[in-house]
Amino acid sequence: MNKTKSIILLILAFALLSFSNYKPKLFVIGDSISIFYGPYLETFLDGKYEYDRKRDEGQSMKNLDNPAGANGGDSRMVVQYMEKLYASHTFSEDILLVNCGLHDIKTNPQTGKVQIDIDEYKHNLNKIYNLAKKLKTQLIWVNSTPVNDSIHNAKSHSFHRFNKDVLAYNSLADSVFKSKNIPVIDLYAFSAKFPLDAYIDHVHYTTVYRKLQAAYIAGFIQNYQTHYTK
């Protein structure tokens, strides 16, 4: 074997080794539900994926109902954040895990008006899809978790939420993304099986159920066969 062939084979061997050790990069944009299950999701994916998310220095935990920092907020806020990512020219993650909906359906108790109406929600979902394409990342959608009307609205007085709206917005998101062959993680159906004492407040979950949500999402991601086109 001549020297040139040996060098070529050596290069190919290193390339194959690098490819086999490559860990896809996962980036999460989501509301406070995702902030709580996030650390466990990172643990479950450790060694298989590089995990990152929209971050802050503690602002998001000061008031979970007023999204800031790591809290992705409503669909309008998610679009604005993704536009910043695109403008930065620094985003290189393989998979983008996105959720928004619970902040969109916040309802004014006096007027009955929702924060983001369903028509704008649909418009924003299409923007999220188009921005993901521009970012050259595999979008995976996570639908919103259930709301128990009586528990939520007895504890939250500045705004209300209703499960009928969760169902309507989830159904719309399912339709939009499945029509575009975007995978949807049905976190609603999974979380709907939890008992009522799974809630620690009006909408968030105890540690046990956060871990279960993270395990469910991790399983979906690992079983989903995606082709990276970076």
C-alpha atoms as a PDB file:
ATOM      1  CA  MET A   1       0.000   0.000   0.000  1.00  0.00           C
ATOM      2  CA  ASN A   2       1.514   3.333  -1.007  1.00  0.00           C
ATOM      3  CA  LYS A   3       1.826   6.312   1.278  1.00  0.00           C
ATOM      4  CA  THR A   4      -1.031   8.279  -0.349  1.00  0.00           C
ATOM      5  CA  LYS A   5      -3.528   5.453   0.135  1.00  0.00           C
ATOM      6  CA  SER A   6      -2.453   5.055   3.755  1.00  0.00           C
ATOM      7  CA  ILE A   7      -3.057   8.744   4.448  1.00  0.00           C
ATOM      8  CA  ILE A   8      -6.498   8.612   2.796  1.00  0.00           C
ATOM      9  CA  LEU A   9      -7.512   5.558   4.835  1.00  0.00           C
ATOM     10  CA  LEU A  10      -6.258   7.214   8.015  1.00  0.00           C
ATOM     11  CA  ILE A  11      -8.308  10.345   7.299  1.00  0.00           C
ATOM     12  CA  LEU A  12     -11.396   8.236   6.603  1.00  0.00           C
ATOM     13  CA  ALA A  13     -10.883   6.305   9.827  1.00  0.00           C
ATOM     14  CA  PHE A  14     -10.689   9.515  11.867  1.00  0.00           C
ATOM     15  CA  ALA A  15     -13.754  10.892  10.069  1.00  0.00           C
ATOM     16  CA  LEU A  16     -15.772   7.759  10.842  1.00  0.00           C
ATOM     17  CA  LEU A  17     -14.647   7.829  14.463  1.00  0.00           C
ATOM     18  CA  SER A  18     -15.642  11.483  14.809  1.00  0.00           C
ATOM     19  CA  PHE A  19     -19.030  10.808  13.237  1.00  0.00           C
ATOM     20  CA  SER A  20     -19.753   7.874  15.538  1.00  0.00           C
ATOM     21  CA  ASN A  21     -18.943  10.000  18.599  1.00  0.00           C
ATOM     22  CA  TYR A  22     -21.012  12.957  17.465  1.00  0.00           C
ATOM     23  CA  LYS A  23     -23.697  14.012  19.920  1.00  0.00           C
ATOM     24  CA  PRO A  24     -26.631  15.927  18.381  1.00  0.00           C
ATOM     25  CA  LYS A  25     -27.251  19.321  19.939  1.00  0.00           C
ATOM     26  CA  LEU A  26     -30.699  19.922  21.420  1.00  0.00           C
ATOM     27  CA  PHE A  27     -32.050  23.386  22.223  1.00  0.00           C
ATOM     28  CA  VAL A  28     -35.256  24.001  24.191  1.00  0.00           C
ATOM     29  CA  ILE A  29     -37.597  26.994  24.009  1.00  0.00           C
ATOM     30  CA  GLY A  30     -40.562  26.635  26.334  1.00  0.00           C
ATOM     31  CA  ASP A  31     -42.579  27.984  29.223  1.00  0.00           C
ATOM     32  CA  SER A  32     -42.084  27.321  32.942  1.00  0.00           C
ATOM     33  CA  ILE A  33     -43.267  23.723  32.573  1.00  0.00           C
ATOM     34  CA  SER A  34     -40.141  23.103  30.481  1.00  0.00           C
ATOM     35  CA  ILE A  35     -37.970  25.002  32.959  1.00  0.00           C
ATOM     36  CA  PHE A  36     -39.024  22.543  35.664  1.00  0.00           C
ATOM     37  CA  TYR A  37     -38.598  19.328  33.667  1.00  0.00           C
ATOM     38  CA  GLY A  38     -35.509  20.649  31.870  1.00  0.00           C
ATOM     39  CA  PRO A  39     -32.795  19.546  34.342  1.00  0.00           C
ATOM     40  CA  TYR A  40     -34.161  15.999  34.343  1.00  0.00           C
ATOM     41  CA  LEU A  41     -34.405  15.965  30.553  1.00  0.00           C
ATOM     42  CA  GLU A  42     -30.765  17.015  30.392  1.00  0.00           C
ATOM     43  CA  THR A  43     -29.849  14.161  32.757  1.00  0.00           C
ATOM     44  CA  PHE A  44     -31.799  11.557  30.773  1.00  0.00           C
ATOM     45  CA  LEU A  45     -30.104  12.662  27.551  1.00  0.00           C
ATOM     46  CA  ASP A  46     -26.632  12.920  29.067  1.00  0.00           C
ATOM     47  CA  GLY A  47     -24.001  11.258  26.922  1.00  0.00           C
ATOM     48  CA  LYS A  48     -26.312  11.097  23.909  1.00  0.00           C
ATOM     49  CA  TYR A  49     -27.240  14.736  23.250  1.00  0.00           C
ATOM     50  CA  GLU A  50     -25.766  18.129  24.066  1.00  0.00           C
ATOM     51  CA  TYR A  51     -28.520  19.985  25.936  1.00  0.00           C
ATOM     52  CA  ASP A  52     -29.126  23.731  26.053  1.00  0.00           C
ATOM     53  CA  ARG A  53     -32.112  26.046  26.384  1.00  0.00           C
ATOM     54  CA  LYS A  54     -33.185  29.669  26.488  1.00  0.00           C
ATOM     55  CA  ARG A  55     -31.488  30.833  29.675  1.00  0.00           C
ATOM     56  CA  ASP A  56     -31.322  33.613  32.242  1.00  0.00           C
ATOM     57  CA  GLU A  57     -29.770  34.407  35.608  1.00  0.00           C
ATOM     58  CA  GLY A  58     -32.817  33.660  37.710  1.00  0.00           C
ATOM     59  CA  GLN A  59     -35.299  36.202  36.309  1.00  0.00           C
ATOM     60  CA  SER A  60     -37.766  33.556  35.147  1.00  0.00           C
ATOM     61  CA  MET A  61     -38.266  32.130  38.645  1.00  0.00           C
ATOM     62  CA  LYS A  62     -39.235  35.459  40.212  1.00  0.00           C
ATOM     63  CA  ASN A  63     -42.737  35.270  38.745  1.00  0.00           C
ATOM     64  CA  LEU A  64     -43.565  32.245  36.595  1.00  0.00           C
ATOM     65  CA  ASP A  65     -46.800  33.878  35.454  1.00  0.00           C
ATOM     66  CA  ASN A  66     -44.907  36.843  34.023  1.00  0.00           C
ATOM     67  CA  PRO A  67     -42.546  35.223  31.494  1.00  0.00           C
ATOM     68  CA  ALA A  68     -39.001  36.548  31.312  1.00  0.00           C
ATOM     69  CA  GLY A  69     -35.538  35.184  30.697  1.00  0.00           C
ATOM     70  CA  ALA A  70     -35.585  31.404  30.342  1.00  0.00           C
ATOM     71  CA  ASN A  71     -39.389  31.382  30.180  1.00  0.00           C
ATOM     72  CA  GLY A  72     -40.318  31.354  26.500  1.00  0.00           C
ATOM     73  CA  GLY A  73     -43.734  32.893  27.164  1.00  0.00           C
ATOM     74  CA  ASP A  74     -46.453  33.048  24.539  1.00  0.00           C
ATOM     75  CA  SER A  75     -46.152  32.327  20.820  1.00  0.00           C
ATOM     76  CA  ARG A  76     -45.471  35.967  19.977  1.00  0.00           C
ATOM     77  CA  MET A  77     -42.493  35.965  22.371  1.00  0.00           C
ATOM     78  CA  VAL A  78     -41.193  32.693  20.928  1.00  0.00           C
ATOM     79  CA  VAL A  79     -41.291  34.148  17.407  1.00  0.00           C
ATOM     80  CA  GLN A  80     -39.419  37.254  18.571  1.00  0.00           C
ATOM     81  CA  TYR A  81     -36.762  35.141  20.281  1.00  0.00           C
ATOM     82  CA  MET A  82     -36.307  32.893  17.239  1.00  0.00           C
ATOM     83  CA  GLU A  83     -35.948  35.963  15.032  1.00  0.00           C
ATOM     84  CA  LYS A  84     -33.103  37.104  17.311  1.00  0.00           C
ATOM     85  CA  LEU A  85     -31.490  33.672  17.051  1.00  0.00           C
ATOM     86  CA  TYR A  86     -31.658  33.861  13.271  1.00  0.00           C
ATOM     87  CA  ALA A  87     -30.273  37.403  13.200  1.00  0.00           C
ATOM     88  CA  SER A  88     -27.358  36.386  15.445  1.00  0.00           C
ATOM     89  CA  HIS A  89     -26.033  33.853  12.884  1.00  0.00           C
ATOM     90  CA  THR A  90     -24.715  31.777  15.806  1.00  0.00           C
ATOM     91  CA  PHE A  91     -27.399  29.102  16.151  1.00  0.00           C
ATOM     92  CA  SER A  92     -26.104  25.665  15.160  1.00  0.00           C
ATOM     93  CA  GLU A  93     -28.232  23.197  17.138  1.00  0.00           C
ATOM     94  CA  ASP A  94     -29.518  20.064  15.401  1.00  0.00           C
ATOM     95  CA  ILE A  95     -32.859  19.816  17.182  1.00  0.00           C
ATOM     96  CA  LEU A  96     -35.129  22.618  18.374  1.00  0.00           C
ATOM     97  CA  LEU A  97     -37.710  21.547  20.962  1.00  0.00           C
ATOM     98  CA  VAL A  98     -40.453  24.183  21.208  1.00  0.00           C
ATOM     99  CA  ASN A  99     -43.603  24.721  23.257  1.00  0.00           C
ATOM    100  CA  CYS A 100     -45.907  27.665  23.779  1.00  0.00           C
ATOM    101  CA  GLY A 101     -49.603  27.848  24.525  1.00  0.00           C
ATOM    102  CA  LEU A 102     -50.311  28.222  28.231  1.00  0.00           C
ATOM    103  CA  HIS A 103     -49.436  31.919  28.172  1.00  0.00           C
ATOM    104  CA  ASP A 104     -51.379  32.394  24.938  1.00  0.00           C
ATOM    105  CA  ILE A 105     -54.627  31.205  26.555  1.00  0.00           C
ATOM    106  CA  LYS A 106     -54.399  33.487  29.600  1.00  0.00           C
ATOM    107  CA  THR A 107     -57.890  34.953  29.900  1.00  0.00           C
ATOM    108  CA  ASN A 108     -58.897  38.293  31.386  1.00  0.00           C
ATOM    109  CA  PRO A 109     -61.502  37.463  34.066  1.00  0.00           C
ATOM    110  CA  GLN A 110     -63.431  40.678  33.373  1.00  0.00           C
ATOM    111  CA  THR A 111     -63.467  40.728  29.565  1.00  0.00           C
ATOM    112  CA  GLY A 112     -62.980  37.059  28.709  1.00  0.00           C
ATOM    113  CA  LYS A 113     -60.313  38.055  26.184  1.00  0.00           C
ATOM    114  CA  VAL A 114     -57.390  35.674  25.681  1.00  0.00           C
ATOM    115  CA  GLN A 115     -53.821  36.983  25.506  1.00  0.00           C
ATOM    116  CA  ILE A 116     -53.196  35.590  22.009  1.00  0.00           C
ATOM    117  CA  ASP A 117     -56.299  34.686  20.023  1.00  0.00           C
ATOM    118  CA  ILE A 118     -56.338  31.443  18.091  1.00  0.00           C
ATOM    119  CA  ASP A 119     -55.946  33.114  14.683  1.00  0.00           C
ATOM    120  CA  GLU A 120     -52.760  34.873  15.757  1.00  0.00           C
ATOM    121  CA  TYR A 121     -51.613  31.646  17.414  1.00  0.00           C
ATOM    122  CA  LYS A 122     -51.891  29.848  14.076  1.00  0.00           C
ATOM    123  CA  HIS A 123     -50.011  32.677  12.354  1.00  0.00           C
ATOM    124  CA  ASN A 124     -47.247  32.472  14.964  1.00  0.00           C
ATOM    125  CA  LEU A 125     -46.975  28.683  14.674  1.00  0.00           C
ATOM    126  CA  ASN A 126     -46.372  29.042  10.945  1.00  0.00           C
ATOM    127  CA  LYS A 127     -43.726  31.652  11.691  1.00  0.00           C
ATOM    128  CA  ILE A 128     -42.058  29.261  14.146  1.00  0.00           C
ATOM    129  CA  TYR A 129     -41.983  26.580  11.451  1.00  0.00           C
ATOM    130  CA  ASN A 130     -40.503  28.955   8.847  1.00  0.00           C
ATOM    131  CA  LEU A 131     -37.897  30.267  11.282  1.00  0.00           C
ATOM    132  CA  ALA A 132     -36.856  26.718  12.176  1.00  0.00           C
ATOM    133  CA  LYS A 133     -36.320  26.079   8.464  1.00  0.00           C
ATOM    134  CA  LYS A 134     -34.183  29.215   8.212  1.00  0.00           C
ATOM    135  CA  LEU A 135     -32.183  28.074  11.233  1.00  0.00           C
ATOM    136  CA  LYS A 136     -31.657  24.702   9.472  1.00  0.00           C
ATOM    137  CA  THR A 137     -32.723  22.761  12.546  1.00  0.00           C
ATOM    138  CA  GLN A 138     -35.104  19.847  13.123  1.00  0.00           C
ATOM    139  CA  LEU A 139     -38.168  21.283  14.861  1.00  0.00           C
ATOM    140  CA  ILE A 140     -39.998  19.117  17.402  1.00  0.00           C
ATOM    141  CA  TRP A 141     -43.189  20.506  18.899  1.00  0.00           C
ATOM    142  CA  VAL A 142     -44.389  19.796  22.454  1.00  0.00           C
ATOM    143  CA  ASN A 143     -48.053  20.483  23.086  1.00  0.00           C
ATOM    144  CA  SER A 144     -49.334  22.177  26.253  1.00  0.00           C
ATOM    145  CA  THR A 145     -50.123  20.420  29.508  1.00  0.00           C
ATOM    146  CA  PRO A 146     -53.661  20.219  30.975  1.00  0.00           C
ATOM    147  CA  VAL A 147     -55.383  22.838  33.097  1.00  0.00           C
ATOM    148  CA  ASN A 148     -57.846  21.954  35.821  1.00  0.00           C
ATOM    149  CA  ASP A 149     -60.260  24.886  35.659  1.00  0.00           C
ATOM    150  CA  SER A 150     -61.410  24.799  39.277  1.00  0.00           C
ATOM    151  CA  ILE A 151     -57.915  24.407  40.746  1.00  0.00           C
ATOM    152  CA  HIS A 152     -56.320  26.954  38.435  1.00  0.00           C
ATOM    153  CA  ASN A 153     -58.915  29.693  38.662  1.00  0.00           C
ATOM    154  CA  ALA A 154     -59.325  29.402  42.412  1.00  0.00           C
ATOM    155  CA  LYS A 155     -55.602  30.124  42.811  1.00  0.00           C
ATOM    156  CA  SER A 156     -55.012  32.556  39.955  1.00  0.00           C
ATOM    157  CA  HIS A 157     -57.001  35.793  40.218  1.00  0.00           C
ATOM    158  CA  SER A 158     -55.204  38.139  37.806  1.00  0.00           C
ATOM    159  CA  PHE A 159     -55.940  35.834  34.873  1.00  0.00           C
ATOM    160  CA  HIS A 160     -57.789  32.582  34.255  1.00  0.00           C
ATOM    161  CA  ARG A 161     -57.122  29.562  32.062  1.00  0.00           C
ATOM    162  CA  PHE A 162     -59.587  26.991  30.727  1.00  0.00           C
ATOM    163  CA  ASN A 163     -58.842  23.471  29.585  1.00  0.00           C
ATOM    164  CA  LYS A 164     -61.160  23.867  26.589  1.00  0.00           C
ATOM    165  CA  ASP A 165     -58.693  26.452  25.294  1.00  0.00           C
ATOM    166  CA  VAL A 166     -55.741  24.125  25.916  1.00  0.00           C
ATOM    167  CA  LEU A 167     -57.524  21.482  23.836  1.00  0.00           C
ATOM    168  CA  ALA A 168     -58.382  23.922  21.041  1.00  0.00           C
ATOM    169  CA  TYR A 169     -54.866  25.372  20.796  1.00  0.00           C
ATOM    170  CA  ASN A 170     -53.249  21.923  21.010  1.00  0.00           C
ATOM    171  CA  SER A 171     -55.555  20.648  18.281  1.00  0.00           C
ATOM    172  CA  LEU A 172     -54.598  23.562  16.054  1.00  0.00           C
ATOM    173  CA  ALA A 173     -50.880  23.017  16.701  1.00  0.00           C
ATOM    174  CA  ASP A 174     -51.257  19.307  15.930  1.00  0.00           C
ATOM    175  CA  SER A 175     -52.920  20.169  12.622  1.00  0.00           C
ATOM    176  CA  VAL A 176     -50.355  22.794  11.636  1.00  0.00           C
ATOM    177  CA  PHE A 177     -47.261  20.780  12.446  1.00  0.00           C
ATOM    178  CA  LYS A 178     -48.417  17.339  11.367  1.00  0.00           C
ATOM    179  CA  SER A 179     -49.368  18.801   7.978  1.00  0.00           C
ATOM    180  CA  LYS A 180     -45.728  19.874   7.680  1.00  0.00           C
ATOM    181  CA  ASN A 181     -44.352  16.512   8.898  1.00  0.00           C
ATOM    182  CA  ILE A 182     -43.096  18.034  12.136  1.00  0.00           C
ATOM    183  CA  PRO A 183     -43.130  15.539  15.031  1.00  0.00           C
ATOM    184  CA  VAL A 184     -45.416  16.411  17.943  1.00  0.00           C
ATOM    185  CA  ILE A 185     -44.835  15.193  21.498  1.00  0.00           C
ATOM    186  CA  ASP A 186     -48.245  14.732  23.136  1.00  0.00           C
ATOM    187  CA  LEU A 187     -47.317  15.910  26.621  1.00  0.00           C
ATOM    188  CA  TYR A 188     -50.981  16.769  27.205  1.00  0.00           C
ATOM    189  CA  ALA A 189     -52.213  13.157  26.977  1.00  0.00           C
ATOM    190  CA  PHE A 190     -49.277  11.927  29.057  1.00  0.00           C
ATOM    191  CA  SER A 191     -49.786  14.528  31.814  1.00  0.00           C
ATOM    192  CA  ALA A 192     -53.587  14.146  31.801  1.00  0.00           C
ATOM    193  CA  LYS A 193     -53.068  10.771  33.504  1.00  0.00           C
ATOM    194  CA  PHE A 194     -51.523  12.424  36.569  1.00  0.00           C
ATOM    195  CA  PRO A 195     -53.613  12.718  39.765  1.00  0.00           C
ATOM    196  CA  LEU A 196     -54.786  16.152  40.942  1.00  0.00           C
ATOM    197  CA  ASP A 197     -52.200  16.193  43.720  1.00  0.00           C
ATOM    198  CA  ALA A 198     -49.527  16.264  41.003  1.00  0.00           C
ATOM    199  CA  TYR A 199     -50.034  20.050  40.917  1.00  0.00           C
ATOM    200  CA  ILE A 200     -48.015  22.181  43.341  1.00  0.00           C
ATOM    201  CA  ASP A 201     -49.998  25.301  42.467  1.00  0.00           C
ATOM    202  CA  HIS A 202     -52.392  26.355  39.697  1.00  0.00           C
ATOM    203  CA  VAL A 203     -50.499  24.698  36.809  1.00  0.00           C
ATOM    204  CA  HIS A 204     -47.021  23.409  37.747  1.00  0.00           C
ATOM    205  CA  TYR A 205     -46.064  19.894  38.832  1.00  0.00           C
ATOM    206  CA  THR A 206     -44.236  18.247  41.720  1.00  0.00           C
ATOM    207  CA  THR A 207     -40.741  16.852  41.236  1.00  0.00           C
ATOM    208  CA  VAL A 208     -41.967  13.278  40.691  1.00  0.00           C
ATOM    209  CA  TYR A 209     -44.138  14.307  37.745  1.00  0.00           C
ATOM    210  CA  ARG A 210     -41.538  16.651  36.269  1.00  0.00           C
ATOM    211  CA  LYS A 211     -39.185  13.667  36.096  1.00  0.00           C
ATOM    212  CA  LEU A 212     -41.877  11.573  34.414  1.00  0.00           C
ATOM    213  CA  GLN A 213     -42.462  14.294  31.812  1.00  0.00           C
ATOM    214  CA  ALA A 214     -38.729  14.537  31.164  1.00  0.00           C
ATOM    215  CA  ALA A 215     -38.435  10.756  30.765  1.00  0.00           C
ATOM    216  CA  TYR A 216     -41.351  10.731  28.329  1.00  0.00           C
ATOM    217  CA  ILE A 217     -39.838  13.495  26.199  1.00  0.00           C
ATOM    218  CA  ALA A 218     -36.359  11.932  26.317  1.00  0.00           C
ATOM    219  CA  GLY A 219     -37.791   8.627  25.136  1.00  0.00           C
ATOM    220  CA  PHE A 220     -39.566  10.308  22.243  1.00  0.00           C
ATOM    221  CA  ILE A 221     -36.457  12.184  21.141  1.00  0.00           C
ATOM    222  CA  GLN A 222     -34.224   9.122  21.291  1.00  0.00           C
ATOM    223  CA  ASN A 223     -36.704   6.990  19.362  1.00  0.00           C
ATOM    224  CA  TYR A 224     -37.346   9.593  16.706  1.00  0.00           C
ATOM    225  CA  GLN A 225     -35.208   8.863  13.681  1.00  0.00           C
ATOM    226  CA  THR A 226     -34.098  12.227  12.353  1.00  0.00           C
ATOM    227  CA  HIS A 227     -31.717  13.066   9.529  1.00  0.00           C
ATOM    228  CA  TYR A 228     -29.575  16.106  10.136  1.00  0.00           C
ATOM    229  CA  THR A 229     -29.064  18.481   7.269  1.00  0.00           C
ATOM    230  CA  LYS A 230     -26.618  20.906   8.748  1.00  0.00           C
END
